[in-house]
N, C-alpha and C. Protein backbone atom coordinates (compact mmCIF):
# COMPACT_ATOMS: atom_id res chain seq x y z
N MET A 1 -34.98 -29.23 -34.85
CA MET A 1 -33.62 -29.48 -34.44
C MET A 1 -33.41 -29.29 -33.25
N LYS A 2 -32.83 -30.18 -32.17
CA LYS A 2 -32.60 -29.58 -31.09
C LYS A 2 -31.21 -29.75 -30.64
N ILE A 3 -31.03 -29.11 -29.87
CA ILE A 3 -29.07 -28.35 -29.66
C ILE A 3 -28.87 -28.79 -28.21
N GLU A 4 -27.66 -29.65 -28.33
CA GLU A 4 -27.32 -29.84 -27.11
C GLU A 4 -26.02 -29.28 -26.53
N ILE A 5 -26.14 -28.62 -25.54
CA ILE A 5 -25.10 -27.53 -24.54
C ILE A 5 -24.37 -28.53 -23.80
N ASP A 6 -22.73 -28.73 -23.68
CA ASP A 6 -22.30 -28.94 -22.55
C ASP A 6 -22.19 -28.34 -21.27
N ASN A 7 -22.88 -28.56 -20.34
CA ASN A 7 -22.61 -27.29 -19.47
C ASN A 7 -21.35 -27.29 -18.57
N SER A 8 -21.07 -28.60 -18.08
CA SER A 8 -19.60 -28.49 -17.75
C SER A 8 -18.76 -27.91 -18.30
N GLN A 9 -18.81 -28.28 -19.36
CA GLN A 9 -17.71 -27.50 -20.50
C GLN A 9 -17.52 -26.03 -20.54
N LEU A 10 -19.20 -25.31 -20.70
CA LEU A 10 -18.89 -24.22 -20.56
C LEU A 10 -19.05 -23.53 -19.46
N ILE A 11 -19.34 -23.68 -17.97
CA ILE A 11 -18.73 -23.26 -16.86
C ILE A 11 -17.55 -23.48 -16.81
N ASN A 12 -16.42 -24.81 -17.15
CA ASN A 12 -15.41 -23.87 -16.87
C ASN A 12 -14.62 -23.35 -18.14
N ASP A 13 -15.25 -23.22 -19.36
CA ASP A 13 -14.92 -21.72 -20.02
C ASP A 13 -14.88 -20.85 -19.25
N ILE A 14 -16.18 -20.20 -18.80
CA ILE A 14 -16.32 -19.26 -17.74
C ILE A 14 -15.17 -18.97 -16.67
N VAL A 15 -15.30 -20.13 -15.90
CA VAL A 15 -14.44 -20.18 -14.79
C VAL A 15 -13.01 -19.46 -15.10
N GLU A 16 -12.47 -20.45 -16.38
CA GLU A 16 -11.19 -19.77 -16.91
C GLU A 16 -10.98 -18.46 -17.41
N LYS A 17 -11.99 -17.93 -17.82
CA LYS A 17 -11.99 -16.73 -18.30
C LYS A 17 -11.87 -15.82 -17.19
N VAL A 18 -12.66 -15.87 -15.81
CA VAL A 18 -13.09 -14.93 -15.01
C VAL A 18 -11.65 -15.26 -13.78
N VAL A 19 -10.93 -16.38 -14.07
CA VAL A 19 -9.65 -16.69 -13.37
C VAL A 19 -8.62 -15.57 -14.08
N ALA A 20 -8.86 -15.71 -15.48
CA ALA A 20 -7.74 -15.12 -16.06
C ALA A 20 -7.64 -13.50 -16.40
N ARG A 21 -8.62 -12.82 -15.86
CA ARG A 21 -8.93 -11.60 -15.61
C ARG A 21 -8.71 -11.43 -14.33
N LEU A 22 -9.11 -12.04 -13.34
CA LEU A 22 -8.86 -11.71 -12.03
C LEU A 22 -7.32 -11.80 -11.22
N LYS A 23 -6.44 -12.69 -12.18
CA LYS A 23 -5.33 -12.90 -11.84
C LYS A 23 -4.47 -11.81 -11.31
N PRO A 24 -4.41 -10.47 -12.69
CA PRO A 24 -3.29 -9.97 -12.48
C PRO A 24 -3.84 -8.82 -11.13
N LEU A 25 -5.17 -8.70 -11.16
CA LEU A 25 -5.51 -7.47 -9.85
C LEU A 25 -5.15 -8.31 -8.60
N LEU A 26 -5.63 -9.46 -8.61
CA LEU A 26 -5.28 -10.47 -6.69
C LEU A 26 -3.37 -10.20 -6.84
N ASN A 27 -2.30 -10.06 -7.94
CA ASN A 27 -1.63 -10.41 -7.57
C ASN A 27 -1.19 -8.72 -7.56
N SER A 28 -1.40 -7.68 -8.25
CA SER A 28 -1.47 -6.38 -7.53
C SER A 28 -1.60 -5.85 -6.43
N SER A 29 -2.88 -5.81 -5.83
CA SER A 29 -3.10 -5.89 -4.67
C SER A 29 -2.69 -6.45 -3.61
N HIS A 30 -2.03 -7.78 -3.51
CA HIS A 30 -1.73 -8.49 -2.60
C HIS A 30 -0.22 -8.66 -2.82
N ASP A 31 0.68 -7.80 -3.14
CA ASP A 31 1.99 -7.67 -3.42
C ASP A 31 2.52 -7.44 -2.04
N SER A 32 3.03 -8.81 -1.71
CA SER A 32 3.51 -8.40 -0.03
C SER A 32 5.01 -7.44 0.01
N GLU A 33 5.14 -7.24 -0.64
CA GLU A 33 6.87 -6.45 -0.85
C GLU A 33 6.22 -4.88 -0.71
N CYS A 34 5.10 -4.37 -1.55
CA CYS A 34 4.39 -3.41 -1.76
C CYS A 34 3.96 -2.63 0.11
N ASN A 35 3.29 -3.98 0.38
CA ASN A 35 2.64 -3.76 2.06
C ASN A 35 3.41 -3.91 3.17
N THR A 36 4.93 -4.10 2.75
CA THR A 36 6.33 -3.96 3.85
C THR A 36 6.05 -2.91 4.30
N LEU A 37 5.81 -2.84 5.94
CA LEU A 37 6.36 -2.13 6.90
C LEU A 37 7.64 -1.80 7.34
N MET A 38 8.04 -0.49 7.22
CA MET A 38 9.62 -0.31 7.72
C MET A 38 9.95 0.33 8.38
N THR A 39 10.45 0.38 9.44
CA THR A 39 11.15 0.75 10.60
C THR A 39 11.56 2.21 10.48
N VAL A 40 11.67 3.22 11.45
CA VAL A 40 12.59 4.58 10.69
C VAL A 40 13.65 4.28 10.25
N GLY A 41 14.42 3.02 11.46
CA GLY A 41 16.16 3.15 10.79
C GLY A 41 16.15 2.04 9.51
N GLU A 42 15.35 1.03 9.05
CA GLU A 42 15.29 0.50 7.69
C GLU A 42 15.04 1.82 6.62
N LEU A 43 13.91 2.97 6.97
CA LEU A 43 13.52 3.67 5.80
C LEU A 43 14.74 4.29 5.71
N ALA A 44 15.45 5.03 7.10
CA ALA A 44 17.32 5.95 6.75
C ALA A 44 17.88 5.44 5.91
N ASN A 45 18.32 3.98 6.13
CA ASN A 45 19.40 3.47 5.16
C ASN A 45 18.39 3.28 3.80
N GLN A 46 17.18 2.90 3.40
CA GLN A 46 16.78 3.42 1.98
C GLN A 46 17.20 4.48 1.20
N LEU A 47 16.59 5.41 1.92
CA LEU A 47 16.74 6.78 1.45
C LEU A 47 17.96 8.00 1.58
N LYS A 48 19.06 6.99 2.43
CA LYS A 48 20.51 7.35 2.79
C LYS A 48 20.31 8.89 3.27
N VAL A 49 19.60 8.48 4.87
CA VAL A 49 19.75 9.96 5.44
C VAL A 49 19.73 9.24 6.78
N LYS A 50 20.36 10.65 7.65
CA LYS A 50 20.16 10.10 9.39
C LYS A 50 18.28 10.00 9.84
N GLU A 51 18.70 9.36 11.24
CA GLU A 51 17.06 8.61 11.21
C GLU A 51 17.03 10.54 12.24
N SER A 52 17.54 10.91 12.16
CA SER A 52 17.10 11.90 12.78
C SER A 52 16.46 12.91 12.12
N TRP A 53 16.54 12.79 10.55
CA TRP A 53 15.68 13.12 9.24
C TRP A 53 14.43 12.83 9.26
N VAL A 54 14.67 11.67 9.70
CA VAL A 54 13.07 10.96 9.61
C VAL A 54 12.21 11.44 10.41
N TYR A 55 13.12 11.31 11.80
CA TYR A 55 11.84 11.91 12.86
C TYR A 55 11.21 12.93 12.35
N GLU A 56 12.66 14.21 11.92
CA GLU A 56 11.88 15.54 11.84
C GLU A 56 10.59 15.39 10.78
N LYS A 57 10.86 14.47 9.56
CA LYS A 57 9.29 14.50 8.89
C LYS A 57 8.79 13.96 9.34
N ILE A 58 8.23 13.16 10.38
CA ILE A 58 7.34 12.65 11.45
C ILE A 58 6.95 14.09 11.75
N HIS A 59 7.70 13.98 12.91
CA HIS A 59 6.67 15.62 13.52
C HIS A 59 6.07 16.76 12.66
N THR A 60 7.04 17.25 11.43
CA THR A 60 6.26 17.83 10.77
C THR A 60 5.02 17.32 9.65
N ARG A 61 5.01 16.19 9.90
CA ARG A 61 3.85 15.16 8.83
C ARG A 61 4.72 15.35 7.38
N GLU A 62 5.70 15.77 7.05
CA GLU A 62 5.83 15.52 5.82
C GLU A 62 6.31 14.28 4.99
N ILE A 63 5.76 12.82 5.72
CA ILE A 63 6.11 11.74 5.18
C ILE A 63 5.12 10.99 5.45
N PRO A 64 4.29 10.74 5.02
CA PRO A 64 3.70 9.15 5.52
C PRO A 64 3.71 8.04 6.19
N PHE A 65 3.29 8.29 7.24
CA PHE A 65 3.56 7.11 8.00
C PHE A 65 2.02 6.42 9.09
N LYS A 66 2.14 5.46 9.36
CA LYS A 66 1.46 4.75 10.72
C LYS A 66 1.66 4.20 11.46
N LYS A 67 1.41 4.83 12.58
CA LYS A 67 1.84 4.59 14.07
C LYS A 67 1.46 3.23 14.64
N ILE A 68 1.91 1.72 15.01
CA ILE A 68 1.90 0.98 15.72
C ILE A 68 2.30 0.84 16.71
N GLY A 69 1.30 1.36 17.81
CA GLY A 69 1.53 1.60 19.42
C GLY A 69 2.36 3.10 19.68
N LYS A 70 3.25 3.00 19.97
CA LYS A 70 3.98 4.38 19.70
C LYS A 70 4.93 4.40 18.89
N PHE A 71 4.90 3.50 17.68
CA PHE A 71 6.24 3.47 16.93
C PHE A 71 5.75 3.69 15.54
N PRO A 72 6.79 4.81 14.71
CA PRO A 72 6.36 4.84 13.59
C PRO A 72 6.58 4.12 12.67
N ARG A 73 6.03 3.81 11.74
CA ARG A 73 6.24 2.54 10.68
C ARG A 73 5.97 3.02 9.30
N PHE A 74 6.82 3.02 7.95
CA PHE A 74 6.33 3.00 6.87
C PHE A 74 5.95 2.14 5.98
N ARG A 75 4.79 2.46 5.12
CA ARG A 75 4.36 1.39 4.06
C ARG A 75 5.36 1.24 2.78
N LYS A 76 5.94 0.60 2.26
CA LYS A 76 7.13 1.04 1.48
C LYS A 76 6.41 1.71 0.14
N ARG A 77 4.92 1.49 -0.01
CA ARG A 77 4.08 1.69 -1.19
C ARG A 77 3.72 3.44 -1.18
N ASP A 78 3.81 3.61 0.22
CA ASP A 78 2.95 5.00 0.52
C ASP A 78 4.86 5.48 0.66
N ILE A 79 6.01 5.21 0.61
CA ILE A 79 6.98 5.95 0.60
C ILE A 79 7.29 6.36 -0.95
N ASP A 80 6.63 4.93 -1.78
CA ASP A 80 7.30 5.34 -2.85
C ASP A 80 6.37 5.94 -3.84
N ILE A 81 5.73 6.27 -3.42
CA ILE A 81 4.73 6.97 -3.77
C ILE A 81 5.00 8.65 -3.55
N TRP A 82 5.75 9.18 -2.22
CA TRP A 82 5.53 10.56 -1.77
C TRP A 82 7.37 10.64 -2.21
N ILE A 83 8.06 9.37 -2.53
CA ILE A 83 9.31 9.81 -3.30
C ILE A 83 9.20 10.76 -4.69
N ASP A 84 8.12 10.37 -5.34
CA ASP A 84 7.66 10.72 -6.94
C ASP A 84 7.20 12.28 -6.45
N ASN A 85 6.87 12.44 -5.38
CA ASN A 85 6.26 14.28 -4.93
C ASN A 85 6.07 14.52 -3.88
N PRO A 86 7.27 14.68 -3.09
CA PRO A 86 7.46 14.60 -1.70
C PRO A 86 7.26 15.87 -1.10
N TYR A 87 7.10 17.12 -2.12
CA TYR A 87 6.36 18.42 -1.70
C TYR A 87 4.77 18.52 -1.96
N HIS A 88 4.17 17.33 -1.80
CA HIS A 88 2.48 17.42 -1.94
C HIS A 88 2.36 18.02 -0.61
N PRO A 89 1.72 19.05 -0.36
CA PRO A 89 0.93 19.55 0.80
C PRO A 89 0.22 19.26 1.61
N ASP A 90 -0.36 18.00 1.04
CA ASP A 90 -1.44 17.28 2.38
C ASP A 90 -1.45 15.92 1.81
N LEU A 91 -0.71 14.85 3.53
CA LEU A 91 -1.08 13.88 2.98
C LEU A 91 -2.03 12.79 3.09
N SER A 92 -3.05 13.95 3.30
CA SER A 92 -4.53 12.52 2.89
C SER A 92 -4.34 12.33 1.35
N HIS A 93 -3.25 13.00 0.51
CA HIS A 93 -3.20 12.66 -1.17
C HIS A 93 -2.94 11.10 -0.83
N TYR A 94 -2.25 10.25 -0.15
CA TYR A 94 -1.62 9.11 0.45
C TYR A 94 -2.94 7.91 0.70
N ASN A 95 -4.08 8.79 1.64
CA ASN A 95 -5.22 7.93 1.59
C ASN A 95 -4.62 6.96 2.92
N LEU A 96 -3.99 8.28 3.53
CA LEU A 96 -3.29 7.19 4.99
C LEU A 96 -4.42 7.78 6.39
N ARG A 97 -4.40 6.99 6.88
CA ARG A 97 -5.03 6.94 8.31
C ARG A 97 -4.14 6.67 9.19
N TYR A 98 -4.23 8.17 10.03
CA TYR A 98 -3.68 8.49 11.16
C TYR A 98 -3.94 8.29 12.38
N ILE A 99 -3.82 7.79 13.50
CA ILE A 99 -4.18 7.28 14.69
C ILE A 99 -3.13 7.63 15.73
N GLY A 100 -3.60 8.07 16.39
CA GLY A 100 -2.14 8.28 17.69
C GLY A 100 -3.02 9.47 18.77
N LYS A 101 -1.97 9.63 19.56
CA LYS A 101 -2.13 10.02 20.72
C LYS A 101 -2.49 11.94 20.01
N GLY A 102 -3.39 12.59 20.31
CA GLY A 102 -3.59 13.69 19.75
C GLY A 102 -3.59 13.90 18.59
N VAL A 103 -4.22 12.64 17.41
CA VAL A 103 -4.59 12.86 16.77
C VAL A 103 -5.51 12.37 15.93
N LYS A 104 -6.62 13.44 14.81
CA LYS A 104 -7.93 13.12 15.09
C LYS A 104 -7.40 11.72 14.15
N LYS A 105 -8.63 10.94 14.35
CA LYS A 105 -8.84 9.18 13.08
C LYS A 105 -9.59 10.41 12.15
N ILE A 106 -9.30 9.53 10.69
CA ILE A 106 -9.81 9.83 9.46
C ILE A 106 -10.89 9.34 9.25
């Protein structure tokens, strides 16, 4: 008794299952809205605070930010995490990398 397997159909089935499993992961990790960078003004508007308050939080490193050149920027995803727990004493909790003058690269 000889059994024939249609390789092309088997391969297509495997590909469909792999794609179905990877699609949610790819969509969530590449969500452009979460990776959006905000300026100080945009963040202040979102949080409904003054820009000076945001600058104070940057200076005391109480808020997650990245510097692009000399300008601080805020990733929406990091700010959302920070809003859930703004009193966390260590910003490395957010897995951020600060690169700037006088700041040690992690």
